[in-house]
Amino acid sequence: MSIEVRNVTKLFGDQKALNNVNFSISKGEIVGFLGPNGAGKSTMMKIISGYTSEFDGEVSVNNFNVGSHKLEVQKSIGYLPEHNPLYLDMYVREYLYFNASIHKIPKKNVESAISKVGLSKEAHKKINQLSKGYRQRVGLAAALLHEPEVLILDEPTTGLDPNQLREIRSLIKEVGQRKTVLFSTHIMQEVEAICDRVILINKGSIVADKKLQELKVSQEQVIEVEFDLKIEEQFIQKIPNLKKADNFHDTTWLLTFATKKDMRSKVFDFAHNNGLKILKMDLKNRNLESLFRELTN
C-alpha cells in the first residue's frame, strides 16, 4: 500500500478533529478526499505528510512509519498545501532551483518539472506576474521536483476560473497515471472528472469509501411526484422496483427506485390505473453531490 491510515485520532483541546480514521490507498490510485469545511481533511493530510506529528494511531507511506521515519516519508511525498506558499518576488525557475538546492536535487529535475506542468513559457517570469492557475502549477512543480511516488494535493483548484480548473484537472490526471494521488476538494465535479475512488469525511469520521465506478453503477433513481389527492404509503408500494417512499409534503412524494431505468412511465401507469392525476413529476438521479449532502447533513 502507498498510504496506510490506522485508528487515527487527533484532538485540538477538547475538540476531536479526527475520530478513529481508517483507510488505505494502493499504488497508482487517484483518490478524492471529500468533506465540508472543517471536516478534518487538511488535518489528515498534514498528518500523512509529517507536518503534524502529535496524534493517536498509525500512519505509513510506502511502508515508512510517519512517526519513526518522518524523513523517509517526506522524501516519498510531494505535498501541495491548501495555501500554496510561494516567494512572489522570485522568478519561476529561480524559485524551483532554490527548492532543488535545499533538497540537494539535480538541476535537471527542475527543467523536467517545468516541462511536466506546462510552465516552459512562463519560467522566465516573476511568480507575482502569474495568474493563480500558473501559481498552482509552480506549487505542483515544486511538489514534483524530487520525483515522489505519492502526491498530496490539498484543495489545489480553489479559486480558479473554469479555464484554469480544466488545465489543472488535466495536469493532475496526467501526473496520476504515474503516481498515487490523494486529492482533497469539496467540488464534486472535480472528483468525478479526476478520481478513481472517493473517501468522504464528516466531523472527523469516515462516512463513505467507494470506487467512483461503484457509485455510478449503484446509483438509485429518485422521482419527486405530486398527485392531486392524498394516498396511503401501502397504496403507493404497488409501484414496481420501489425501494423507499417518503411523503414529505401533503400530496408530494419522493420515490426511490433500486434501478437506473427511467421509472416515470411506471409512476404514470400507477396514477392512471388508480384514478389519480399527476400535477408534477421530476426525475432526480442520485449522484455524488446528493450522496455528499445526505452523508454530511
C-alpha atoms as a PDB file:
ATOM      1  CA  MET A   1       0.000   0.000   0.000  1.00  0.00           C
ATOM      2  CA  SER A   2       1.166   3.546  -0.741  1.00  0.00           C
ATOM      3  CA  ILE A   3      -0.740   5.049   2.220  1.00  0.00           C
ATOM      4  CA  GLU A   4      -1.975   3.245   5.341  1.00  0.00           C
ATOM      5  CA  VAL A   5      -4.011   5.089   7.994  1.00  0.00           C
ATOM      6  CA  ARG A   6      -4.975   3.103  11.083  1.00  0.00           C
ATOM      7  CA  ASN A   7      -7.110   4.275  14.024  1.00  0.00           C
ATOM      8  CA  VAL A   8      -6.016   7.904  13.742  1.00  0.00           C
ATOM      9  CA  THR A   9      -7.469  10.333  16.269  1.00  0.00           C
ATOM     10  CA  LYS A  10      -6.409  13.970  16.602  1.00  0.00           C
ATOM     11  CA  LEU A  11      -7.503  16.365  19.342  1.00  0.00           C
ATOM     12  CA  PHE A  12      -7.289  20.152  19.417  1.00  0.00           C
ATOM     13  CA  GLY A  13      -8.005  20.833  23.064  1.00  0.00           C
ATOM     14  CA  ASP A  14     -11.358  19.169  23.753  1.00  0.00           C
ATOM     15  CA  GLN A  15     -12.327  19.078  20.071  1.00  0.00           C
ATOM     16  CA  LYS A  16     -11.866  15.873  18.047  1.00  0.00           C
ATOM     17  CA  ALA A  17     -10.613  16.918  14.614  1.00  0.00           C
ATOM     18  CA  LEU A  18     -10.223  13.242  13.624  1.00  0.00           C
ATOM     19  CA  ASN A  19     -12.030  10.323  15.229  1.00  0.00           C
ATOM     20  CA  ASN A  20     -10.610   6.805  14.685  1.00  0.00           C
ATOM     21  CA  VAL A  21      -9.945   7.284  10.958  1.00  0.00           C
ATOM     22  CA  ASN A  22      -9.014   4.213   8.877  1.00  0.00           C
ATOM     23  CA  PHE A  23      -8.258   3.883   5.162  1.00  0.00           C
ATOM     24  CA  SER A  24      -5.592   2.652   2.762  1.00  0.00           C
ATOM     25  CA  ILE A  25      -4.620   3.710  -0.766  1.00  0.00           C
ATOM     26  CA  SER A  26      -2.927   1.450  -3.294  1.00  0.00           C
ATOM     27  CA  LYS A  27      -0.164   2.494  -5.660  1.00  0.00           C
ATOM     28  CA  GLY A  28      -1.489   4.243  -8.771  1.00  0.00           C
ATOM     29  CA  GLU A  29      -4.873   5.289  -7.348  1.00  0.00           C
ATOM     30  CA  ILE A  30      -6.231   8.840  -7.628  1.00  0.00           C
ATOM     31  CA  VAL A  31      -8.415   9.237  -4.549  1.00  0.00           C
ATOM     32  CA  GLY A  32     -10.726  12.164  -3.872  1.00  0.00           C
ATOM     33  CA  PHE A  33     -10.785  13.162  -0.203  1.00  0.00           C
ATOM     34  CA  LEU A  34     -14.142  14.895   0.272  1.00  0.00           C
ATOM     35  CA  GLY A  35     -15.800  16.688   3.117  1.00  0.00           C
ATOM     36  CA  PRO A  36     -17.326  20.006   4.165  1.00  0.00           C
ATOM     37  CA  ASN A  37     -15.162  22.779   5.581  1.00  0.00           C
ATOM     38  CA  GLY A  38     -13.808  21.782   8.992  1.00  0.00           C
ATOM     39  CA  ALA A  39     -14.412  18.059   8.426  1.00  0.00           C
ATOM     40  CA  GLY A  40     -10.745  17.121   9.060  1.00  0.00           C
ATOM     41  CA  LYS A  41      -9.354  16.864   5.502  1.00  0.00           C
ATOM     42  CA  SER A  42      -6.418  19.243   5.922  1.00  0.00           C
ATOM     43  CA  THR A  43      -5.576  17.831   9.371  1.00  0.00           C
ATOM     44  CA  MET A  44      -5.416  14.290   7.948  1.00  0.00           C
ATOM     45  CA  MET A  45      -3.207  15.423   5.058  1.00  0.00           C
ATOM     46  CA  LYS A  46      -0.826  17.242   7.399  1.00  0.00           C
ATOM     47  CA  ILE A  47      -0.507  14.052   9.462  1.00  0.00           C
ATOM     48  CA  ILE A  48       0.195  11.904   6.380  1.00  0.00           C
ATOM     49  CA  SER A  49       2.833  14.362   5.143  1.00  0.00           C
ATOM     50  CA  GLY A  50       4.541  14.502   8.545  1.00  0.00           C
ATOM     51  CA  TYR A  51       3.710  18.191   9.047  1.00  0.00           C
ATOM     52  CA  THR A  52       1.663  17.344  12.149  1.00  0.00           C
ATOM     53  CA  SER A  53       3.274  14.771  14.431  1.00  0.00           C
ATOM     54  CA  GLU A  54       1.082  14.690  17.563  1.00  0.00           C
ATOM     55  CA  PHE A  55      -1.792  12.228  17.046  1.00  0.00           C
ATOM     56  CA  ASP A  56      -3.005   8.814  18.176  1.00  0.00           C
ATOM     57  CA  GLY A  57      -2.883   5.871  15.772  1.00  0.00           C
ATOM     58  CA  GLU A  58      -0.530   4.790  12.980  1.00  0.00           C
ATOM     59  CA  VAL A  59       0.203   6.200   9.517  1.00  0.00           C
ATOM     60  CA  SER A  60       2.658   4.820   6.964  1.00  0.00           C
ATOM     61  CA  VAL A  61       3.668   5.949   3.483  1.00  0.00           C
ATOM     62  CA  ASN A  62       5.452   3.453   1.205  1.00  0.00           C
ATOM     63  CA  ASN A  63       5.895   1.236   4.287  1.00  0.00           C
ATOM     64  CA  PHE A  64       7.638   4.018   6.248  1.00  0.00           C
ATOM     65  CA  ASN A  65       6.004   4.930   9.556  1.00  0.00           C
ATOM     66  CA  VAL A  66       5.280   8.668   9.800  1.00  0.00           C
ATOM     67  CA  GLY A  67       6.190   8.735  13.495  1.00  0.00           C
ATOM     68  CA  SER A  68       9.511   6.858  13.361  1.00  0.00           C
ATOM     69  CA  HIS A  69      10.676   7.503   9.766  1.00  0.00           C
ATOM     70  CA  LYS A  70       9.490  11.041   9.101  1.00  0.00           C
ATOM     71  CA  LEU A  71      12.337  11.982   6.743  1.00  0.00           C
ATOM     72  CA  GLU A  72      11.827   8.890   4.550  1.00  0.00           C
ATOM     73  CA  VAL A  73       8.088   9.641   4.421  1.00  0.00           C
ATOM     74  CA  GLN A  74       8.687  13.236   3.345  1.00  0.00           C
ATOM     75  CA  LYS A  75      11.094  12.069   0.648  1.00  0.00           C
ATOM     76  CA  SER A  76       8.293   9.835  -0.682  1.00  0.00           C
ATOM     77  CA  ILE A  77       5.687  12.620  -0.762  1.00  0.00           C
ATOM     78  CA  GLY A  78       5.056  15.659  -2.934  1.00  0.00           C
ATOM     79  CA  TYR A  79       2.805  17.993  -0.935  1.00  0.00           C
ATOM     80  CA  LEU A  80       0.816  20.958  -2.246  1.00  0.00           C
ATOM     81  CA  PRO A  81      -0.896  22.584   0.771  1.00  0.00           C
ATOM     82  CA  GLU A  82      -4.171  24.490   0.597  1.00  0.00           C
ATOM     83  CA  HIS A  83      -2.433  27.866   0.819  1.00  0.00           C
ATOM     84  CA  ASN A  84       0.345  27.469  -1.736  1.00  0.00           C
ATOM     85  CA  PRO A  85       3.456  29.060  -0.117  1.00  0.00           C
ATOM     86  CA  LEU A  86       5.478  30.859  -2.817  1.00  0.00           C
ATOM     87  CA  TYR A  87       8.139  33.592  -2.827  1.00  0.00           C
ATOM     88  CA  LEU A  88       6.326  36.006  -5.129  1.00  0.00           C
ATOM     89  CA  ASP A  89       9.376  38.207  -5.838  1.00  0.00           C
ATOM     90  CA  MET A  90      11.365  35.281  -7.209  1.00  0.00           C
ATOM     91  CA  TYR A  91      11.372  34.145 -10.833  1.00  0.00           C
ATOM     92  CA  VAL A  92       9.724  30.788 -11.509  1.00  0.00           C
ATOM     93  CA  ARG A  93      12.923  29.000 -12.499  1.00  0.00           C
ATOM     94  CA  GLU A  94      14.851  30.741  -9.691  1.00  0.00           C
ATOM     95  CA  TYR A  95      12.279  29.609  -7.109  1.00  0.00           C
ATOM     96  CA  LEU A  96      12.410  25.998  -8.307  1.00  0.00           C
ATOM     97  CA  TYR A  97      16.231  25.991  -8.393  1.00  0.00           C
ATOM     98  CA  PHE A  98      16.162  27.366  -4.837  1.00  0.00           C
ATOM     99  CA  ASN A  99      13.899  24.476  -3.735  1.00  0.00           C
ATOM    100  CA  ALA A 100      16.084  21.974  -5.565  1.00  0.00           C
ATOM    101  CA  SER A 101      19.250  23.278  -3.843  1.00  0.00           C
ATOM    102  CA  ILE A 102      17.661  22.899  -0.378  1.00  0.00           C
ATOM    103  CA  HIS A 103      16.797  19.270  -1.094  1.00  0.00           C
ATOM    104  CA  LYS A 104      20.084  18.640  -2.971  1.00  0.00           C
ATOM    105  CA  ILE A 105      18.198  17.693  -6.127  1.00  0.00           C
ATOM    106  CA  PRO A 106      19.933  17.803  -9.560  1.00  0.00           C
ATOM    107  CA  LYS A 107      19.135  20.866 -11.701  1.00  0.00           C
ATOM    108  CA  LYS A 108      17.851  18.599 -14.474  1.00  0.00           C
ATOM    109  CA  ASN A 109      14.878  17.788 -12.217  1.00  0.00           C
ATOM    110  CA  VAL A 110      13.857  21.456 -12.302  1.00  0.00           C
ATOM    111  CA  GLU A 111      13.680  21.550 -16.093  1.00  0.00           C
ATOM    112  CA  SER A 112      11.833  18.232 -16.101  1.00  0.00           C
ATOM    113  CA  ALA A 113       9.247  19.533 -13.581  1.00  0.00           C
ATOM    114  CA  ILE A 114       8.802  22.783 -15.539  1.00  0.00           C
ATOM    115  CA  SER A 115       8.097  20.789 -18.670  1.00  0.00           C
ATOM    116  CA  LYS A 116       5.738  18.333 -16.922  1.00  0.00           C
ATOM    117  CA  VAL A 117       3.456  21.054 -15.538  1.00  0.00           C
ATOM    118  CA  GLY A 118       3.466  23.227 -18.671  1.00  0.00           C
ATOM    119  CA  LEU A 119       5.484  26.152 -17.292  1.00  0.00           C
ATOM    120  CA  SER A 120       8.108  26.423 -20.045  1.00  0.00           C
ATOM    121  CA  LYS A 121       6.704  29.677 -21.467  1.00  0.00           C
ATOM    122  CA  GLU A 122       6.305  31.236 -18.007  1.00  0.00           C
ATOM    123  CA  ALA A 123       9.555  30.107 -16.366  1.00  0.00           C
ATOM    124  CA  HIS A 124      11.311  33.446 -17.060  1.00  0.00           C
ATOM    125  CA  LYS A 125       8.598  35.467 -15.245  1.00  0.00           C
ATOM    126  CA  LYS A 126       8.354  36.532 -11.624  1.00  0.00           C
ATOM    127  CA  ILE A 127       5.799  34.495  -9.680  1.00  0.00           C
ATOM    128  CA  ASN A 128       3.826  37.654  -8.831  1.00  0.00           C
ATOM    129  CA  GLN A 129       3.208  38.149 -12.568  1.00  0.00           C
ATOM    130  CA  LEU A 130       1.449  34.792 -12.905  1.00  0.00           C
ATOM    131  CA  SER A 131      -2.259  34.010 -12.760  1.00  0.00           C
ATOM    132  CA  LYS A 132      -3.483  31.841  -9.887  1.00  0.00           C
ATOM    133  CA  GLY A 133      -3.662  28.859 -12.247  1.00  0.00           C
ATOM    134  CA  TYR A 134       0.016  29.201 -13.141  1.00  0.00           C
ATOM    135  CA  ARG A 135       0.970  29.775  -9.498  1.00  0.00           C
ATOM    136  CA  GLN A 136      -0.690  26.423  -8.737  1.00  0.00           C
ATOM    137  CA  ARG A 137       1.473  24.915 -11.476  1.00  0.00           C
ATOM    138  CA  VAL A 138       4.567  26.336  -9.760  1.00  0.00           C
ATOM    139  CA  GLY A 139       3.476  24.735  -6.466  1.00  0.00           C
ATOM    140  CA  LEU A 140       2.849  21.445  -8.233  1.00  0.00           C
ATOM    141  CA  ALA A 141       6.250  21.634  -9.964  1.00  0.00           C
ATOM    142  CA  ALA A 142       7.880  22.160  -6.548  1.00  0.00           C
ATOM    143  CA  ALA A 143       5.993  19.115  -5.214  1.00  0.00           C
ATOM    144  CA  LEU A 144       7.264  17.014  -8.149  1.00  0.00           C
ATOM    145  CA  LEU A 145      10.917  18.095  -8.026  1.00  0.00           C
ATOM    146  CA  HIS A 146      12.169  15.110  -6.041  1.00  0.00           C
ATOM    147  CA  GLU A 147      10.082  12.675  -8.145  1.00  0.00           C
ATOM    148  CA  PRO A 148       7.921  11.435  -5.247  1.00  0.00           C
ATOM    149  CA  GLU A 149       5.797   8.314  -5.513  1.00  0.00           C
ATOM    150  CA  VAL A 150       2.876   9.902  -3.619  1.00  0.00           C
ATOM    151  CA  LEU A 151       1.210  13.292  -4.201  1.00  0.00           C
ATOM    152  CA  ILE A 152      -0.863  15.004  -1.505  1.00  0.00           C
ATOM    153  CA  LEU A 153      -2.902  17.864  -3.005  1.00  0.00           C
ATOM    154  CA  ASP A 154      -4.972  19.957  -0.592  1.00  0.00           C
ATOM    155  CA  GLU A 155      -7.681  21.987  -2.393  1.00  0.00           C
ATOM    156  CA  PRO A 156      -5.473  22.621  -5.469  1.00  0.00           C
ATOM    157  CA  THR A 157      -8.329  24.072  -7.570  1.00  0.00           C
ATOM    158  CA  THR A 158      -9.817  26.549  -5.068  1.00  0.00           C
ATOM    159  CA  GLY A 159     -10.337  29.991  -6.567  1.00  0.00           C
ATOM    160  CA  LEU A 160      -9.512  29.038 -10.164  1.00  0.00           C
ATOM    161  CA  ASP A 161     -11.603  30.145 -13.121  1.00  0.00           C
ATOM    162  CA  PRO A 162     -13.176  27.493 -15.430  1.00  0.00           C
ATOM    163  CA  ASN A 163     -10.230  27.502 -17.874  1.00  0.00           C
ATOM    164  CA  GLN A 164      -7.676  27.180 -15.067  1.00  0.00           C
ATOM    165  CA  LEU A 165      -9.780  24.418 -13.491  1.00  0.00           C
ATOM    166  CA  ARG A 166      -9.710  22.431 -16.715  1.00  0.00           C
ATOM    167  CA  GLU A 167      -5.936  22.878 -17.079  1.00  0.00           C
ATOM    168  CA  ILE A 168      -5.101  21.857 -13.500  1.00  0.00           C
ATOM    169  CA  ARG A 169      -7.575  18.967 -13.693  1.00  0.00           C
ATOM    170  CA  SER A 170      -5.876  17.613 -16.831  1.00  0.00           C
ATOM    171  CA  LEU A 171      -2.481  18.071 -15.216  1.00  0.00           C
ATOM    172  CA  ILE A 172      -3.436  16.142 -12.064  1.00  0.00           C
ATOM    173  CA  LYS A 173      -4.963  13.350 -14.137  1.00  0.00           C
ATOM    174  CA  GLU A 174      -1.811  13.077 -16.247  1.00  0.00           C
ATOM    175  CA  VAL A 175       0.505  13.053 -13.219  1.00  0.00           C
ATOM    176  CA  GLY A 176      -1.783  10.495 -11.552  1.00  0.00           C
ATOM    177  CA  GLN A 177      -1.046   7.962 -14.292  1.00  0.00           C
ATOM    178  CA  ARG A 178       2.406   7.503 -12.765  1.00  0.00           C
ATOM    179  CA  LYS A 179       1.842   8.271  -9.076  1.00  0.00           C
ATOM    180  CA  THR A 180      -0.509   7.752  -6.149  1.00  0.00           C
ATOM    181  CA  VAL A 181      -2.600  10.898  -5.610  1.00  0.00           C
ATOM    182  CA  LEU A 182      -4.688  11.921  -2.580  1.00  0.00           C
ATOM    183  CA  PHE A 183      -6.704  14.890  -3.756  1.00  0.00           C
ATOM    184  CA  SER A 184      -8.683  16.996  -1.278  1.00  0.00           C
ATOM    185  CA  THR A 185     -11.605  19.093  -2.505  1.00  0.00           C
ATOM    186  CA  HIS A 186     -15.230  19.984  -1.867  1.00  0.00           C
ATOM    187  CA  ILE A 187     -16.014  20.379  -5.592  1.00  0.00           C
ATOM    188  CA  MET A 188     -17.936  17.297  -6.714  1.00  0.00           C
ATOM    189  CA  GLN A 189     -17.302  17.854 -10.428  1.00  0.00           C
ATOM    190  CA  GLU A 190     -13.545  17.752  -9.838  1.00  0.00           C
ATOM    191  CA  VAL A 191     -13.787  14.371  -8.135  1.00  0.00           C
ATOM    192  CA  GLU A 192     -15.980  12.915 -10.879  1.00  0.00           C
ATOM    193  CA  ALA A 193     -13.574  14.204 -13.553  1.00  0.00           C
ATOM    194  CA  ILE A 194     -10.302  13.131 -11.914  1.00  0.00           C
ATOM    195  CA  CYS A 195     -10.644  10.417  -9.289  1.00  0.00           C
ATOM    196  CA  ASP A 196     -10.872   6.610  -9.255  1.00  0.00           C
ATOM    197  CA  ARG A 197     -12.218   6.468  -5.714  1.00  0.00           C
ATOM    198  CA  VAL A 198     -13.881   8.687  -3.108  1.00  0.00           C
ATOM    199  CA  ILE A 199     -13.283   8.894   0.644  1.00  0.00           C
ATOM    200  CA  LEU A 200     -15.868  11.094   2.370  1.00  0.00           C
ATOM    201  CA  ILE A 201     -15.136  12.524   5.812  1.00  0.00           C
ATOM    202  CA  ASN A 202     -17.559  14.384   8.063  1.00  0.00           C
ATOM    203  CA  LYS A 203     -16.959  15.736  11.571  1.00  0.00           C
ATOM    204  CA  GLY A 204     -13.664  13.852  11.756  1.00  0.00           C
ATOM    205  CA  SER A 205     -15.053  10.420  10.803  1.00  0.00           C
ATOM    206  CA  ILE A 206     -15.046   8.486   7.512  1.00  0.00           C
ATOM    207  CA  VAL A 207     -18.671   8.153   6.352  1.00  0.00           C
ATOM    208  CA  ALA A 208     -18.069   6.648   2.885  1.00  0.00           C
ATOM    209  CA  ASP A 209     -15.217   4.958   0.992  1.00  0.00           C
ATOM    210  CA  LYS A 210     -16.155   3.768  -2.501  1.00  0.00           C
ATOM    211  CA  LYS A 211     -14.840   3.386  -6.031  1.00  0.00           C
ATOM    212  CA  LEU A 212     -16.323   6.054  -8.277  1.00  0.00           C
ATOM    213  CA  GLN A 213     -17.441   3.389 -10.744  1.00  0.00           C
ATOM    214  CA  GLU A 214     -19.203   1.619  -7.871  1.00  0.00           C
ATOM    215  CA  LEU A 215     -21.122   4.790  -7.072  1.00  0.00           C
ATOM    216  CA  LYS A 216     -22.151   5.222 -10.699  1.00  0.00           C
ATOM    217  CA  VAL A 217     -23.310   1.620 -11.042  1.00  0.00           C
ATOM    218  CA  SER A 218     -25.216   1.660  -7.749  1.00  0.00           C
ATOM    219  CA  GLN A 219     -26.917   4.988  -8.330  1.00  0.00           C
ATOM    220  CA  GLU A 220     -30.529   4.902  -7.296  1.00  0.00           C
ATOM    221  CA  GLN A 221     -33.192   6.766  -9.191  1.00  0.00           C
ATOM    222  CA  VAL A 222     -35.249   9.306  -7.270  1.00  0.00           C
ATOM    223  CA  ILE A 223     -38.536  10.715  -8.601  1.00  0.00           C
ATOM    224  CA  GLU A 224     -40.427  13.567  -6.988  1.00  0.00           C
ATOM    225  CA  VAL A 225     -44.124  13.347  -7.814  1.00  0.00           C
ATOM    226  CA  GLU A 226     -47.155  15.381  -6.754  1.00  0.00           C
ATOM    227  CA  PHE A 227     -50.615  13.774  -7.029  1.00  0.00           C
ATOM    228  CA  ASP A 228     -53.976  15.552  -6.900  1.00  0.00           C
ATOM    229  CA  LEU A 229     -55.099  13.500  -3.883  1.00  0.00           C
ATOM    230  CA  LYS A 230     -53.611  12.211  -0.636  1.00  0.00           C
ATOM    231  CA  ILE A 231     -52.769   8.495  -0.645  1.00  0.00           C
ATOM    232  CA  GLU A 232     -51.518   5.976   1.906  1.00  0.00           C
ATOM    233  CA  GLU A 233     -47.957   4.612   1.823  1.00  0.00           C
ATOM    234  CA  GLN A 234     -49.059   0.978   1.492  1.00  0.00           C
ATOM    235  CA  PHE A 235     -51.035   2.012  -1.562  1.00  0.00           C
ATOM    236  CA  ILE A 236     -48.024   3.550  -3.328  1.00  0.00           C
ATOM    237  CA  GLN A 237     -45.940   0.435  -2.629  1.00  0.00           C
ATOM    238  CA  LYS A 238     -47.676  -1.180  -5.613  1.00  0.00           C
ATOM    239  CA  ILE A 239     -45.238   0.607  -7.966  1.00  0.00           C
ATOM    240  CA  PRO A 240     -42.587  -1.935  -9.164  1.00  0.00           C
ATOM    241  CA  ASN A 241     -38.912  -1.617  -8.065  1.00  0.00           C
ATOM    242  CA  LEU A 242     -39.860   0.908  -5.388  1.00  0.00           C
ATOM    243  CA  LYS A 243     -37.247   0.876  -2.619  1.00  0.00           C
ATOM    244  CA  LYS A 244     -38.489   3.756  -0.469  1.00  0.00           C
ATOM    245  CA  ALA A 245     -41.385   6.222  -0.470  1.00  0.00           C
ATOM    246  CA  ASP A 246     -41.241   9.458   1.543  1.00  0.00           C
ATOM    247  CA  ASN A 247     -44.332  11.632   1.863  1.00  0.00           C
ATOM    248  CA  PHE A 248     -42.543  14.867   2.631  1.00  0.00           C
ATOM    249  CA  HIS A 249     -45.361  17.334   1.898  1.00  0.00           C
ATOM    250  CA  ASP A 250     -49.102  16.700   1.710  1.00  0.00           C
ATOM    251  CA  THR A 251     -49.664  15.060  -1.711  1.00  0.00           C
ATOM    252  CA  THR A 252     -45.991  15.168  -2.770  1.00  0.00           C
ATOM    253  CA  TRP A 253     -43.832  12.033  -2.602  1.00  0.00           C
ATOM    254  CA  LEU A 254     -40.141  11.322  -3.021  1.00  0.00           C
ATOM    255  CA  LEU A 255     -39.892   7.850  -4.568  1.00  0.00           C
ATOM    256  CA  THR A 256     -36.565   5.981  -4.540  1.00  0.00           C
ATOM    257  CA  PHE A 257     -36.145   3.115  -7.027  1.00  0.00           C
ATOM    258  CA  ALA A 258     -33.450   0.415  -6.946  1.00  0.00           C
ATOM    259  CA  THR A 259     -32.781   0.759 -10.668  1.00  0.00           C
ATOM    260  CA  LYS A 260     -31.288   3.232 -13.144  1.00  0.00           C
ATOM    261  CA  LYS A 261     -34.122   2.539 -15.610  1.00  0.00           C
ATOM    262  CA  ASP A 262     -36.425   5.525 -16.078  1.00  0.00           C
ATOM    263  CA  MET A 263     -39.431   4.695 -13.880  1.00  0.00           C
ATOM    264  CA  ARG A 264     -41.575   7.736 -14.704  1.00  0.00           C
ATOM    265  CA  SER A 265     -43.760   5.692 -17.050  1.00  0.00           C
ATOM    266  CA  LYS A 266     -44.464   3.217 -14.198  1.00  0.00           C
ATOM    267  CA  VAL A 267     -45.430   6.093 -11.882  1.00  0.00           C
ATOM    268  CA  PHE A 268     -47.721   7.455 -14.605  1.00  0.00           C
ATOM    269  CA  ASP A 269     -49.305   4.000 -15.093  1.00  0.00           C
ATOM    270  CA  PHE A 270     -49.851   3.721 -11.321  1.00  0.00           C
ATOM    271  CA  ALA A 271     -51.625   7.083 -11.258  1.00  0.00           C
ATOM    272  CA  HIS A 272     -53.763   6.283 -14.287  1.00  0.00           C
ATOM    273  CA  ASN A 273     -54.784   2.828 -13.002  1.00  0.00           C
ATOM    274  CA  ASN A 274     -55.799   4.240  -9.629  1.00  0.00           C
ATOM    275  CA  GLY A 275     -57.722   7.314 -10.765  1.00  0.00           C
ATOM    276  CA  LEU A 276     -55.026   9.823  -9.742  1.00  0.00           C
ATOM    277  CA  LYS A 277     -53.761  12.866 -11.613  1.00  0.00           C
ATOM    278  CA  ILE A 278     -50.068  13.822 -11.624  1.00  0.00           C
ATOM    279  CA  LEU A 279     -49.630  17.553 -11.037  1.00  0.00           C
ATOM    280  CA  LYS A 280     -45.818  17.495 -11.140  1.00  0.00           C
ATOM    281  CA  MET A 281     -43.123  14.883 -11.706  1.00  0.00           C
ATOM    282  CA  ASP A 282     -39.328  15.401 -11.662  1.00  0.00           C
ATOM    283  CA  LEU A 283     -36.502  12.904 -12.133  1.00  0.00           C
ATOM    284  CA  LYS A 284     -33.716  13.387  -9.580  1.00  0.00           C
ATOM    285  CA  ASN A 285     -30.895  10.924 -10.260  1.00  0.00           C
ATOM    286  CA  ARG A 286     -28.765  10.267  -7.193  1.00  0.00           C
ATOM    287  CA  ASN A 287     -25.207  11.417  -7.849  1.00  0.00           C
ATOM    288  CA  LEU A 288     -22.067  12.148  -5.839  1.00  0.00           C
ATOM    289  CA  GLU A 289     -23.390  15.560  -4.844  1.00  0.00           C
ATOM    290  CA  SER A 290     -26.616  14.110  -3.420  1.00  0.00           C
ATOM    291  CA  LEU A 291     -24.612  11.419  -1.571  1.00  0.00           C
ATOM    292  CA  PHE A 292     -22.403  14.186  -0.136  1.00  0.00           C
ATOM    293  CA  ARG A 293     -25.454  16.141   1.068  1.00  0.00           C
ATOM    294  CA  GLU A 294     -27.059  13.014   2.506  1.00  0.00           C
ATOM    295  CA  LEU A 295     -23.981  11.937   4.485  1.00  0.00           C
ATOM    296  CA  THR A 296     -22.872  15.361   5.704  1.00  0.00           C
ATOM    297  CA  ASN A 297     -26.214  16.851   6.750  1.00  0.00           C
END
